[in-house]
Each structure stands twice: as structure tokens, then as C-alpha cells.
Amino acid sequence: MIDLRKGILVLAMAGFGFAANAQEVIVKGMDLWRVLADVSYDIQKDEFGDLFVPIFGKDTKDIEGKYVEVEGFIIPFDGMFKPTQLILSSLPISECFFCGSGGPETVMEISMKEKIKYTTKRVKIRGKLKLNALNPDKLMYLLEEGVFTGLADSSY
């Protein structure tokens, strides 16, 4: 059904094979990375020295547990890229947190539902956002139930 008065295209979900429990995406694209950039750090001590514990901004906390769509570049760590477990960066590899000038707020650890093929192109992945302030062995932004939704820019 098309409701032109509101400018909204509404599809009958059963007729088009969409899952009835599909989750609405709250934030996507570069807007998501802007929200995630609102983070500060509390320096604490552990047995290994200083530990930087993230303090997430209000807008970031508000979207925790919600479905988002992130755009970014797959980081191809030697021997670490797995088609269902990957790291995505908002910046190209030459500028990312691990290789360039980006901060820890520019990368996200992703658990995919299905395998994804490696590409140097910017991709879009949808999933549920989880914040991590407690486990220093993981990144502070985690995306669970990841689903590849396409390339972020058709000009590639």
C-alpha cells in the first residue's frame, strides 16, 4: 500500500516475505559514527598499569541494544579476518585506529549472522549495538547479529 499523503511507502509484510519481527534501524550511516564519537575516558589502574575505561555519552547510551546500520571499511588483520567475526572502521585502513590517526571510537567489532566476503570497499552492516566498558580484550563498540546490507557507495 502507498500512502502518498504522508510520503511513506508501506509494504504489506506478508506479501513481500519480510520477517514479521524485523527490527527498525534507529541510526545509520555516518550519523551513527557521529553519535559514537561522544565518548570520554576514565583512567583506572589494573595489574598491568593504566586502563582507559570509556564513559559513553547520553545519545550513545540511548541506542544501546537497538538496531543500527553502520558503514565502514573491513580491517583485514593478518590471520584474524574471519567471515563471521570482523572489525569495521569508519575510516579507510590508512587512517584507522590500528594503522593511522583514528581513535578507538572509530572502530567496531562485529559478529555476523552469515559469512561476509572481504572487500576494500565501504560496506553497510545492520545489527544490534552493544557497548563495552568492562572487557579490555574487546573493542568498546560491538555489533551483534550483523547482516551485510550492501555497499555504502554505488560509485565504487
Protein backbone atom coordinates (compact mmCIF):
# COMPACT_ATOMS: atom_id res chain seq x y z
CA MET A 1 0.00 0.00 0.00
CA ILE A 2 1.25 3.51 -0.75
CA ASP A 3 0.18 6.39 1.48
CA LEU A 4 1.06 9.47 -0.57
CA ARG A 5 -0.39 11.93 1.93
CA LYS A 6 2.41 11.13 4.38
CA GLY A 7 5.05 10.50 1.72
CA ILE A 8 5.56 6.97 3.05
CA LEU A 9 5.72 3.72 1.15
CA VAL A 10 4.16 0.94 3.21
CA LEU A 11 4.60 -2.66 2.10
CA ALA A 12 2.34 -5.47 3.21
CA MET A 13 4.92 -7.54 5.07
CA ALA A 14 3.41 -10.96 4.45
CA GLY A 15 3.02 -10.33 0.74
CA PHE A 16 6.70 -9.45 0.28
CA GLY A 17 8.26 -12.12 2.51
CA PHE A 18 9.66 -9.77 5.17
CA ALA A 19 10.13 -11.15 8.65
CA ALA A 20 7.35 -10.01 10.94
CA ASN A 21 9.87 -9.41 13.72
CA ALA A 22 12.27 -7.28 11.66
CA GLN A 23 13.82 -4.59 13.82
CA GLU A 24 13.68 -0.90 12.97
CA VAL A 25 17.07 0.74 12.44
CA ILE A 26 17.41 3.67 14.85
CA VAL A 27 20.59 5.32 13.48
CA LYS A 28 22.59 4.57 10.36
CA GLY A 29 25.50 5.61 8.19
CA MET A 30 27.83 8.39 9.20
CA ASP A 31 25.21 9.68 11.68
CA LEU A 32 25.94 6.59 13.79
CA TRP A 33 29.69 7.29 13.88
CA ARG A 34 28.93 10.89 14.96
CA VAL A 35 26.86 9.61 17.89
CA LEU A 36 29.57 7.11 18.86
CA ALA A 37 32.21 9.87 18.83
CA ASP A 38 30.69 11.24 22.06
CA VAL A 39 32.88 9.31 24.47
CA SER A 40 35.36 10.27 27.16
CA TYR A 41 37.64 8.12 29.30
CA ASP A 42 38.23 7.48 32.97
CA ILE A 43 41.77 6.31 33.73
CA GLN A 44 41.81 3.42 36.18
CA LYS A 45 44.56 1.05 37.30
CA ASP A 46 44.77 -2.70 36.95
CA GLU A 47 47.61 -5.21 37.42
CA PHE A 48 49.10 -4.16 34.05
CA GLY A 49 49.01 -0.39 34.57
CA ASP A 50 46.65 2.31 33.31
CA LEU A 51 43.32 1.23 31.91
CA PHE A 52 41.22 3.68 29.87
CA VAL A 53 37.56 2.97 30.66
CA PRO A 54 35.07 4.54 28.22
CA ILE A 55 32.36 6.87 29.52
CA PHE A 56 29.65 6.88 26.86
CA GLY A 57 27.59 9.97 26.03
CA LYS A 58 23.83 10.07 26.60
CA ASP A 59 22.89 9.61 22.93
CA THR A 60 25.20 6.60 22.69
CA LYS A 61 23.68 5.04 25.81
CA ASP A 62 20.20 5.67 24.39
CA ILE A 63 20.86 3.49 21.32
CA GLU A 64 22.49 0.58 23.17
CA GLY A 65 20.59 -2.62 22.46
CA LYS A 66 18.90 -1.04 19.43
CA TYR A 67 19.37 -1.95 15.79
CA VAL A 68 21.67 0.32 13.82
CA GLU A 69 23.25 0.26 10.38
CA VAL A 70 26.96 1.03 10.30
CA GLU A 71 29.02 1.99 7.25
CA GLY A 72 32.72 1.35 7.15
CA PHE A 73 35.77 -0.49 5.94
CA ILE A 74 36.64 -4.07 6.92
CA ILE A 75 40.04 -4.15 8.64
CA PRO A 76 42.00 -7.16 7.26
CA PHE A 77 44.13 -8.24 10.21
CA ASP A 78 46.59 -10.89 9.07
CA GLY A 79 45.26 -14.25 10.17
CA MET A 80 42.40 -12.62 12.11
CA PHE A 81 39.78 -11.92 9.42
CA LYS A 82 37.00 -14.43 9.81
CA PRO A 83 33.93 -14.16 7.61
CA THR A 84 31.66 -14.04 10.68
CA GLN A 85 33.87 -12.04 13.10
CA LEU A 86 35.39 -8.79 11.87
CA ILE A 87 36.41 -5.27 12.71
CA LEU A 88 34.89 -2.34 10.85
CA SER A 89 36.41 1.15 10.73
CA SER A 90 34.71 4.41 9.88
CA LEU A 91 38.00 5.42 8.24
CA PRO A 92 39.98 3.82 5.40
CA ILE A 93 42.74 1.47 6.57
CA SER A 94 45.49 4.07 6.15
CA GLU A 95 43.71 6.28 8.72
CA CYS A 96 42.10 3.70 11.00
CA PHE A 97 42.70 3.30 14.73
CA PHE A 98 45.17 0.46 14.23
CA CYS A 99 47.21 1.95 11.35
CA GLY A 100 46.68 5.70 11.31
CA SER A 101 45.24 8.60 13.20
CA GLY A 102 41.73 7.40 14.16
CA GLY A 103 40.74 6.93 17.77
CA PRO A 104 39.12 3.89 19.41
CA GLU A 105 35.67 5.41 18.77
CA THR A 106 36.20 4.87 15.01
CA VAL A 107 36.22 1.05 15.11
CA MET A 108 33.64 -1.60 15.89
CA GLU A 109 33.83 -5.34 16.48
CA ILE A 110 31.12 -7.20 14.54
CA SER A 111 29.62 -10.67 14.91
CA MET A 112 27.91 -11.59 11.64
CA LYS A 113 24.93 -13.94 11.30
CA GLU A 114 26.31 -15.17 7.97
CA LYS A 115 29.71 -15.10 6.29
CA ILE A 116 30.79 -11.90 4.56
CA LYS A 117 33.32 -11.70 1.75
CA TYR A 118 36.28 -9.37 2.30
CA THR A 119 36.31 -6.19 0.23
CA THR A 120 38.26 -2.93 0.30
CA LYS A 121 35.04 -1.07 -0.48
CA ARG A 122 32.91 0.63 2.17
CA VAL A 123 30.15 -1.72 3.33
CA LYS A 124 26.89 -1.41 5.26
CA ILE A 125 26.11 -3.82 8.09
CA ARG A 126 22.97 -3.87 10.21
CA GLY A 127 22.86 -5.28 13.74
CA LYS A 128 22.25 -4.69 17.44
CA LEU A 129 24.65 -2.27 19.16
CA LYS A 130 26.30 -3.29 22.41
CA LEU A 131 28.54 -1.01 24.49
CA ASN A 132 31.60 -2.46 26.21
CA ALA A 133 33.23 -0.65 29.10
CA LEU A 134 34.26 -3.72 31.13
CA ASN A 135 36.22 -6.12 28.89
CA PRO A 136 39.56 -4.62 27.80
CA ASP A 137 40.11 -7.57 25.42
CA LYS A 138 37.23 -6.36 23.22
CA LEU A 139 36.56 -3.10 21.42
CA MET A 140 34.21 -0.66 23.14
CA TYR A 141 31.61 -0.87 20.34
CA LEU A 142 30.22 -4.28 19.46
CA LEU A 143 27.63 -5.12 16.83
CA GLU A 144 25.74 -8.39 17.29
CA GLU A 145 23.54 -10.25 14.80
CA GLY A 146 25.31 -8.47 11.91
CA VAL A 147 23.78 -8.66 8.44
CA PHE A 148 25.52 -7.33 5.31
CA THR A 149 23.13 -4.91 3.57
CA GLY A 150 25.30 -3.83 0.63
CA LEU A 151 28.00 -1.42 -0.40
CA ALA A 152 27.77 2.03 1.12
CA ASP A 153 28.52 3.90 -2.11
CA SER A 154 27.46 2.80 -5.57
CA SER A 155 30.23 4.88 -7.15
CA TYR A 156 32.77 2.15 -6.34
